[in-house]
């Protein structure tokens, strides 16, 4: 009889190795590992995770930033100031900001101002169009500019005053154009104007109608120099404090031309052809303080100076004055109320300065205020 031994049970070490092998085989059969993020867990269905489903918010459009204020191409815009000078522009640019207060278009090649060029600029206060080639301005071009105070149109080719200029205007400079006539209606309704510059236009005395400046109730400064005027325009506003008519062809100062100018303080008549100042002319300007009559054809000192209470400066150099008397500048008595002279020029006259009596200048503030000098024949 054969006896077989019972099977030998594996020892503890062998069983441990077998279990480890089984675990490794199971791991090889499983799916590869995938990293899950926080939202992946949140998005699992109820059966898989046991968590409620989180609703997905619909997409919301992000609002775009509003566009900034527009500025014409190549121009510079800052703090309601639009600068478009020196760009070779041939017309007024589009898209000028509506809130502009100053528009600078000088030194360009603009030839025409059209009806709608400024239609949106209701708050504009200063418009600069100096040194262009403007020949035409539409009659309605300035109507929208209800707040315009300063208009500079100098150095263009305008042949007449623009129509319908803003009533709010305080300063108008339109010198160095081709204007030949100033009509009585040219400044109608412009009662706020303070400064008027019309020099270097081919004006003639016949081209300035009497009372043409009558509508300028507040004007204090008018300059009409370098034209062809042969006399002082009549009917000038009584509000004037400065009148400059230098470099014209005026031959005589008449009392009627200065009538009503009671506030005039400075009168410029240099570089004319004046040979006579009519008696009583200076009495028409009782508050005159400064009179320029140099570079004319006067042969005597103007009458009326000793009786004038306020005149302090008088330029008479470069004339043809041959004699200066002791009563030409100062009143006869020392007790007469009169402002002291601070400037008298008599040089470049044929008067023998060594023969002028010192008492002639008894009402002069200081000796340095007198300029006699030598006369040289041309």
Protein backbone atom coordinates (compact mmCIF):
# COMPACT_ATOMS: atom_id res chain seq x y z
CA UNK A 1 0.00 0.00 0.00
CA UNK A 2 1.24 3.26 -0.98
CA UNK A 3 0.73 6.27 1.16
CA UNK A 4 0.84 9.76 -0.43
CA UNK A 5 1.67 12.74 1.55
CA UNK A 6 -0.88 15.54 1.69
CA UNK A 7 -0.12 18.54 -0.50
CA UNK A 8 2.16 20.99 1.06
CA UNK A 9 0.62 24.32 1.80
CA UNK A 10 2.53 27.29 0.55
CA UNK A 11 4.29 29.17 3.16
CA UNK A 12 3.44 32.74 4.08
CA UNK A 13 6.10 34.32 1.90
CA UNK A 14 4.93 32.49 -1.18
CA UNK A 15 1.33 33.60 -0.65
CA UNK A 16 2.41 37.20 -0.28
CA UNK A 17 4.24 37.10 -3.62
CA UNK A 18 1.19 35.60 -5.35
CA UNK A 19 -1.14 38.31 -4.08
CA UNK A 20 1.25 41.02 -5.26
CA UNK A 21 1.39 39.49 -8.74
CA UNK A 22 -2.39 39.40 -8.92
CA UNK A 23 -2.64 43.09 -8.03
CA UNK A 24 -0.12 44.02 -10.72
CA UNK A 25 -2.05 42.09 -13.39
CA UNK A 26 -5.29 43.83 -12.37
CA UNK A 27 -3.63 47.23 -12.61
CA UNK A 28 -2.45 46.47 -16.14
CA UNK A 29 -5.96 45.62 -17.28
CA UNK A 30 -7.51 48.87 -15.95
CA UNK A 31 -7.95 52.09 -18.00
CA UNK A 32 -5.12 54.59 -18.05
CA UNK A 33 -5.11 57.26 -15.38
CA UNK A 34 -6.67 60.66 -16.28
CA UNK A 35 -6.18 63.80 -14.19
CA UNK A 36 -9.51 65.38 -13.29
CA UNK A 37 -9.89 69.02 -12.54
CA UNK A 38 -12.22 70.62 -10.05
CA UNK A 39 -14.85 71.50 -12.66
CA UNK A 40 -14.76 67.91 -14.00
CA UNK A 41 -16.00 66.64 -10.67
CA UNK A 42 -18.62 69.34 -10.53
CA UNK A 43 -19.90 68.44 -14.00
CA UNK A 44 -20.43 64.71 -13.35
CA UNK A 45 -24.02 63.55 -13.54
CA UNK A 46 -26.06 62.76 -10.45
CA UNK A 47 -25.65 59.01 -10.78
CA UNK A 48 -21.91 59.19 -10.95
CA UNK A 49 -21.21 61.87 -8.37
CA UNK A 50 -24.26 62.24 -6.23
CA UNK A 51 -23.89 66.08 -6.54
CA UNK A 52 -26.51 68.40 -8.08
CA UNK A 53 -25.80 69.70 -11.55
CA UNK A 54 -24.46 73.23 -11.70
CA UNK A 55 -26.27 75.32 -14.35
CA UNK A 56 -24.08 76.94 -17.00
CA UNK A 57 -24.48 80.68 -17.32
CA UNK A 58 -25.15 81.92 -20.87
CA UNK A 59 -22.30 83.88 -22.45
CA UNK A 60 -22.44 87.65 -21.92
CA UNK A 61 -21.06 90.12 -24.50
CA UNK A 62 -18.37 92.35 -23.03
CA UNK A 63 -19.22 95.98 -23.79
CA UNK A 64 -16.76 97.74 -26.09
CA UNK A 65 -15.06 100.96 -25.05
CA UNK A 66 -16.70 104.08 -26.52
CA UNK A 67 -14.77 105.86 -29.23
CA UNK A 68 -12.92 109.01 -28.25
CA UNK A 69 -13.62 112.43 -29.80
CA UNK A 70 -12.81 112.62 -33.47
CA UNK A 71 -10.04 114.84 -34.79
CA UNK A 72 -9.45 115.76 -38.43
CA UNK A 73 -6.66 113.81 -40.10
CA UNK A 74 -3.19 115.27 -39.35
CA UNK A 75 -4.67 117.94 -37.08
CA UNK A 76 -4.04 118.16 -33.35
CA UNK A 77 -6.96 118.36 -30.91
CA UNK A 78 -6.62 119.14 -27.23
CA UNK A 79 -8.88 120.84 -24.69
CA UNK A 80 -11.36 122.05 -27.34
CA UNK A 81 -8.54 123.55 -29.40
CA UNK A 82 -8.17 122.23 -32.96
CA UNK A 83 -4.89 123.09 -34.67
CA UNK A 84 -4.75 122.43 -38.42
CA UNK A 85 -2.18 125.03 -39.47
CA UNK A 86 0.64 124.53 -42.00
CA UNK A 87 -0.81 121.34 -43.51
CA UNK A 88 -1.38 122.44 -47.11
CA UNK A 89 -5.16 122.03 -46.73
CA UNK A 90 -7.27 123.13 -49.70
CA UNK A 91 -10.58 123.15 -47.83
CA UNK A 92 -11.92 123.20 -44.28
CA UNK A 93 -11.56 119.62 -42.93
CA UNK A 94 -14.49 117.41 -41.90
CA UNK A 95 -15.18 115.93 -38.46
CA UNK A 96 -14.12 118.97 -36.45
CA UNK A 97 -15.26 118.31 -32.84
CA UNK A 98 -18.55 120.07 -32.21
CA UNK A 99 -17.39 121.40 -28.82
CA UNK A 100 -14.35 123.22 -30.25
CA UNK A 101 -13.75 126.77 -29.01
CA UNK A 102 -10.67 127.57 -31.14
CA UNK A 103 -10.02 126.47 -34.72
CA UNK A 104 -6.63 127.31 -36.25
CA UNK A 105 -6.47 126.95 -40.06
CA UNK A 106 -3.76 129.48 -40.84
CA UNK A 107 -0.98 128.98 -43.39
CA UNK A 108 -2.88 126.59 -45.67
CA UNK A 109 -4.19 126.74 -49.26
CA UNK A 110 -7.91 127.12 -48.61
CA UNK A 111 -9.60 129.00 -51.46
CA UNK A 112 -13.26 128.95 -50.44
CA UNK A 113 -15.38 128.91 -47.29
CA UNK A 114 -18.53 126.89 -48.00
CA UNK A 115 -21.97 127.18 -46.45
CA UNK A 116 -21.70 124.13 -44.18
CA UNK A 117 -18.01 124.31 -43.22
CA UNK A 118 -18.82 125.49 -39.67
CA UNK A 119 -22.42 124.29 -39.28
CA UNK A 120 -21.73 122.17 -36.15
CA UNK A 121 -19.39 124.63 -34.39
CA UNK A 122 -21.97 126.58 -32.44
CA UNK A 123 -19.63 127.09 -29.49
CA UNK A 124 -16.61 128.30 -31.48
CA UNK A 125 -15.06 131.47 -30.06
CA UNK A 126 -11.91 131.99 -32.18
CA UNK A 127 -11.47 131.25 -35.89
CA UNK A 128 -8.06 131.77 -37.50
CA UNK A 129 -7.90 131.75 -41.32
CA UNK A 130 -4.80 133.91 -41.77
CA UNK A 131 -2.53 133.43 -44.79
CA UNK A 132 -4.68 131.26 -47.05
CA UNK A 133 -5.93 131.85 -50.59
CA UNK A 134 -9.56 132.60 -49.78
CA UNK A 135 -11.43 134.47 -52.49
CA UNK A 136 -15.02 133.52 -51.62
CA UNK A 137 -17.00 133.18 -48.39
CA UNK A 138 -20.55 131.87 -48.62
CA UNK A 139 -23.09 134.42 -47.28
CA UNK A 140 -24.36 131.86 -44.75
CA UNK A 141 -21.01 130.40 -43.69
CA UNK A 142 -20.74 132.38 -40.43
CA UNK A 143 -24.42 132.21 -39.38
CA UNK A 144 -23.98 129.10 -37.14
CA UNK A 145 -21.16 130.77 -35.19
CA UNK A 146 -23.34 132.47 -32.63
CA UNK A 147 -20.58 132.70 -30.00
CA UNK A 148 -17.65 133.71 -32.20
CA UNK A 149 -15.59 136.53 -30.65
CA UNK A 150 -12.41 136.65 -32.74
CA UNK A 151 -12.22 136.30 -36.52
CA UNK A 152 -8.83 136.54 -38.26
CA UNK A 153 -9.03 136.71 -42.07
CA UNK A 154 -5.81 138.58 -42.82
CA UNK A 155 -3.55 137.79 -45.80
CA UNK A 156 -6.13 136.37 -48.19
CA UNK A 157 -7.67 137.49 -51.49
CA UNK A 158 -11.07 138.80 -50.39
CA UNK A 159 -12.44 141.61 -52.53
CA UNK A 160 -15.31 142.59 -50.23
CA UNK A 161 -16.36 142.34 -46.61
CA UNK A 162 -17.96 138.98 -45.70
CA UNK A 163 -21.73 139.00 -45.26
CA UNK A 164 -23.66 138.08 -42.10
CA UNK A 165 -20.75 138.18 -39.71
CA UNK A 166 -21.62 137.05 -36.14
CA UNK A 167 -23.14 139.72 -33.92
CA UNK A 168 -21.08 138.36 -31.03
CA UNK A 169 -17.81 139.36 -32.75
CA UNK A 170 -15.42 141.47 -30.67
CA UNK A 171 -12.28 141.43 -32.81
CA UNK A 172 -12.05 141.44 -36.61
CA UNK A 173 -8.72 141.46 -38.43
CA UNK A 174 -9.03 141.46 -42.20
CA UNK A 175 -5.94 143.40 -43.32
CA UNK A 176 -3.82 142.53 -46.36
CA UNK A 177 -6.69 141.51 -48.62
CA UNK A 178 -8.01 143.07 -51.83
CA UNK A 179 -10.99 144.97 -50.42
CA UNK A 180 -11.68 148.19 -52.30
CA UNK A 181 -14.88 149.41 -50.65
CA UNK A 182 -16.36 149.63 -47.16
CA UNK A 183 -20.13 149.97 -47.37
CA UNK A 184 -22.36 151.43 -44.71
CA UNK A 185 -23.99 148.03 -44.16
CA UNK A 186 -20.68 146.16 -43.88
CA UNK A 187 -20.75 146.09 -40.08
CA UNK A 188 -24.49 146.13 -39.49
CA UNK A 189 -25.44 144.50 -36.17
CA UNK A 190 -21.82 144.21 -34.98
CA UNK A 191 -22.28 146.35 -31.90
CA UNK A 192 -19.88 144.26 -29.77
CA UNK A 193 -16.74 144.82 -31.87
CA UNK A 194 -13.85 146.38 -29.93
CA UNK A 195 -10.91 145.93 -32.34
CA UNK A 196 -11.08 146.49 -36.12
CA UNK A 197 -8.04 145.95 -38.38
CA UNK A 198 -8.47 146.88 -42.06
CA UNK A 199 -4.97 147.93 -43.12
CA UNK A 200 -3.14 147.08 -46.33
CA UNK A 201 -6.26 146.97 -48.50
CA UNK A 202 -6.52 149.03 -51.72
CA UNK A 203 -9.12 151.36 -50.18
CA UNK A 204 -9.74 154.85 -51.47
CA UNK A 205 -11.58 157.69 -49.78
CA UNK A 206 -14.52 157.16 -52.13
CA UNK A 207 -14.52 153.52 -51.12
CA UNK A 208 -15.33 154.28 -47.46
CA UNK A 209 -18.93 155.40 -47.24
CA UNK A 210 -19.75 158.08 -44.68
CA UNK A 211 -20.90 156.44 -41.45
CA UNK A 212 -19.62 153.03 -42.51
CA UNK A 213 -18.36 152.44 -38.96
CA UNK A 214 -21.44 153.86 -37.25
CA UNK A 215 -22.74 150.43 -36.20
CA UNK A 216 -19.61 149.77 -34.13
CA UNK A 217 -20.94 151.23 -30.89
CA UNK A 218 -18.18 149.84 -28.64
CA UNK A 219 -15.13 149.89 -30.90
CA UNK A 220 -12.05 151.42 -29.27
CA UNK A 221 -9.34 150.55 -31.82
CA UNK A 222 -9.43 151.01 -35.61
CA UNK A 223 -6.43 150.67 -37.89
CA UNK A 224 -6.64 151.49 -41.61
CA UNK A 225 -2.98 151.87 -42.51
CA UNK A 226 -1.18 151.29 -45.81
CA UNK A 227 -4.15 152.07 -48.07
CA UNK A 228 -4.99 154.86 -50.51
CA UNK A 229 -7.11 157.03 -48.21
CA UNK A 230 -6.85 160.72 -49.00
CA UNK A 231 -8.77 161.94 -45.96
CA UNK A 232 -9.83 160.81 -42.50
CA UNK A 233 -13.11 158.85 -42.81
CA UNK A 234 -16.16 160.74 -41.58
CA UNK A 235 -18.65 159.51 -39.03
CA UNK A 236 -16.25 157.46 -36.94
CA UNK A 237 -17.68 156.06 -33.65
CA UNK A 238 -17.40 158.27 -30.58
CA UNK A 239 -16.18 155.26 -28.56
CA UNK A 240 -12.80 155.28 -30.34
CA UNK A 241 -9.73 155.61 -28.14
CA UNK A 242 -7.13 154.73 -30.83
CA UNK A 243 -7.20 155.57 -34.54
CA UNK A 244 -4.29 154.57 -36.79
CA UNK A 245 -4.24 155.93 -40.35
CA UNK A 246 -0.51 155.70 -41.03
CA UNK A 247 0.99 155.31 -44.51
CA UNK A 248 -1.90 156.69 -46.54
CA UNK A 249 -2.27 159.67 -48.86
CA UNK A 250 -4.02 162.06 -46.50
CA UNK A 251 -3.14 165.68 -47.34
CA UNK A 252 -5.09 167.63 -44.73
CA UNK A 253 -6.52 167.24 -41.23
CA UNK A 254 -9.96 168.84 -41.08
CA UNK A 255 -12.05 169.52 -38.00
CA UNK A 256 -15.17 167.91 -39.46
CA UNK A 257 -13.38 164.60 -39.86
CA UNK A 258 -12.60 164.44 -36.14
CA UNK A 259 -15.98 165.66 -34.98
CA UNK A 260 -17.45 163.62 -32.14
CA UNK A 261 -14.24 161.77 -31.19
CA UNK A 262 -14.30 162.95 -27.59
CA UNK A 263 -12.71 159.76 -26.25
CA UNK A 264 -9.84 159.57 -28.72
CA UNK A 265 -6.51 159.26 -26.86
CA UNK A 266 -4.12 158.28 -29.66
CA UNK A 267 -4.12 159.43 -33.29
CA UNK A 268 -1.61 158.02 -35.75
CA UNK A 269 -1.11 159.97 -39.00
CA UNK A 270 2.53 159.18 -39.75
CA UNK A 271 3.79 158.71 -43.32
CA UNK A 272 1.07 160.67 -45.11
CA UNK A 273 1.20 163.83 -47.23
CA UNK A 274 -0.27 166.21 -44.64
CA UNK A 275 0.69 169.84 -45.18
CA UNK A 276 -1.99 171.46 -43.02
CA UNK A 277 -3.81 170.85 -39.74
CA UNK A 278 -6.91 173.00 -39.83
CA UNK A 279 -7.54 175.36 -36.91
CA UNK A 280 -9.91 173.84 -34.40
CA UNK A 281 -9.09 170.25 -35.36
CA UNK A 282 -7.41 169.44 -32.04
CA UNK A 283 -10.37 170.90 -30.15
CA UNK A 284 -12.50 168.06 -31.61
CA UNK A 285 -10.36 165.54 -29.70
CA UNK A 286 -10.17 167.10 -26.21
CA UNK A 287 -8.81 163.96 -24.50
CA UNK A 288 -6.05 163.29 -27.02
CA UNK A 289 -2.79 162.31 -25.32
CA UNK A 290 -0.60 161.14 -28.22
CA UNK A 291 -0.39 162.58 -31.75
CA UNK A 292 1.81 161.14 -34.51
CA UNK A 293 2.38 163.56 -37.42
CA UNK A 294 5.92 162.58 -38.36
CA UNK A 295 7.00 161.96 -41.95
CA UNK A 296 4.58 164.42 -43.52
CA UNK A 297 4.82 167.79 -45.28
CA UNK A 298 4.05 170.22 -42.43
CA UNK A 299 5.79 173.59 -42.55
CA UNK A 300 4.60 174.83 -39.13
CA UNK A 301 3.73 173.33 -35.75
CA UNK A 302 -0.02 172.48 -35.69
CA UNK A 303 -2.21 175.14 -34.11
CA UNK A 304 -4.06 174.49 -30.89
CA UNK A 305 -1.39 172.67 -28.92
CA UNK A 306 -1.02 175.35 -26.17
CA UNK A 307 -4.76 175.17 -25.45
CA UNK A 308 -4.94 171.38 -25.32
CA UNK A 309 -5.08 170.15 -21.72
CA UNK A 310 -4.14 166.50 -22.06
CA UNK A 311 -1.73 166.04 -24.96
CA UNK A 312 1.61 164.73 -23.73
CA UNK A 313 3.37 163.20 -26.75
CA UNK A 314 3.66 164.74 -30.21
CA UNK A 315 5.86 163.46 -33.04
CA UNK A 316 6.71 166.06 -35.66
CA UNK A 317 10.03 164.78 -36.97
CA UNK A 318 10.76 164.39 -40.69
CA UNK A 319 8.59 167.28 -41.85
CA UNK A 320 9.39 170.67 -43.38
CA UNK A 321 9.06 172.82 -40.28
CA UNK A 322 11.40 175.81 -40.51
CA UNK A 323 10.42 177.86 -37.43
CA UNK A 324 9.46 176.95 -33.85
CA UNK A 325 7.98 179.80 -31.76
CA UNK A 326 7.82 180.19 -28.00
CA UNK A 327 4.02 179.86 -28.04
CA UNK A 328 3.77 176.76 -30.27
CA UNK A 329 3.59 174.12 -27.51
CA UNK A 330 2.94 175.71 -24.14
CA UNK A 331 0.34 178.20 -22.86
CA UNK A 332 1.65 181.71 -22.10
CA UNK A 333 1.08 181.53 -18.35
CA UNK A 334 2.62 179.06 -15.92
CA UNK A 335 -0.59 178.71 -13.94
CA UNK A 336 -2.60 177.30 -16.82
CA UNK A 337 -3.77 173.72 -16.23
CA UNK A 338 -2.09 171.51 -18.77
CA UNK A 339 -0.49 168.08 -18.72
CA UNK A 340 3.28 168.17 -18.98
CA UNK A 341 4.82 166.89 -22.21
CA UNK A 342 6.74 163.64 -21.95
CA UNK A 343 7.85 163.56 -25.59
CA UNK A 344 8.35 166.11 -28.41
CA UNK A 345 10.28 165.14 -31.53
CA UNK A 346 11.43 167.78 -34.03
CA UNK A 347 14.51 166.22 -35.58
CA UNK A 348 14.91 165.96 -39.36
CA UNK A 349 13.28 169.36 -39.90
CA UNK A 350 14.95 172.41 -41.48
CA UNK A 351 14.54 174.42 -38.27
CA UNK A 352 17.82 175.83 -36.88
CA UNK A 353 17.68 174.04 -33.54
CA UNK A 354 20.22 176.44 -31.96
CA UNK A 355 17.77 179.29 -32.51
CA UNK A 356 14.91 177.61 -30.61
CA UNK A 357 14.42 179.44 -27.29
CA UNK A 358 14.60 177.29 -24.13
CA UNK A 359 11.36 178.89 -22.89
CA UNK A 360 9.59 177.17 -25.81
CA UNK A 361 9.61 173.93 -23.81
CA UNK A 362 8.67 175.33 -20.40
CA UNK A 363 5.84 172.79 -20.06
CA UNK A 364 7.98 169.75 -20.83
CA UNK A 365 8.46 167.25 -18.01
CA UNK A 366 12.16 166.62 -18.64
CA UNK A 367 14.86 167.89 -20.98
CA UNK A 368 15.42 164.36 -22.32
CA UNK A 369 11.88 164.39 -23.67
CA UNK A 370 12.87 166.91 -26.37
CA UNK A 371 14.45 165.57 -29.56
CA UNK A 372 15.74 168.25 -31.93
CA UNK A 373 18.79 166.94 -33.74
CA UNK A 374 20.29 168.06 -37.02
CA UNK A 375 18.54 168.42 -40.32
CA UNK A 376 20.03 166.71 -43.33
CA UNK A 377 18.90 167.58 -46.81
CA UNK A 378 17.83 164.59 -48.82
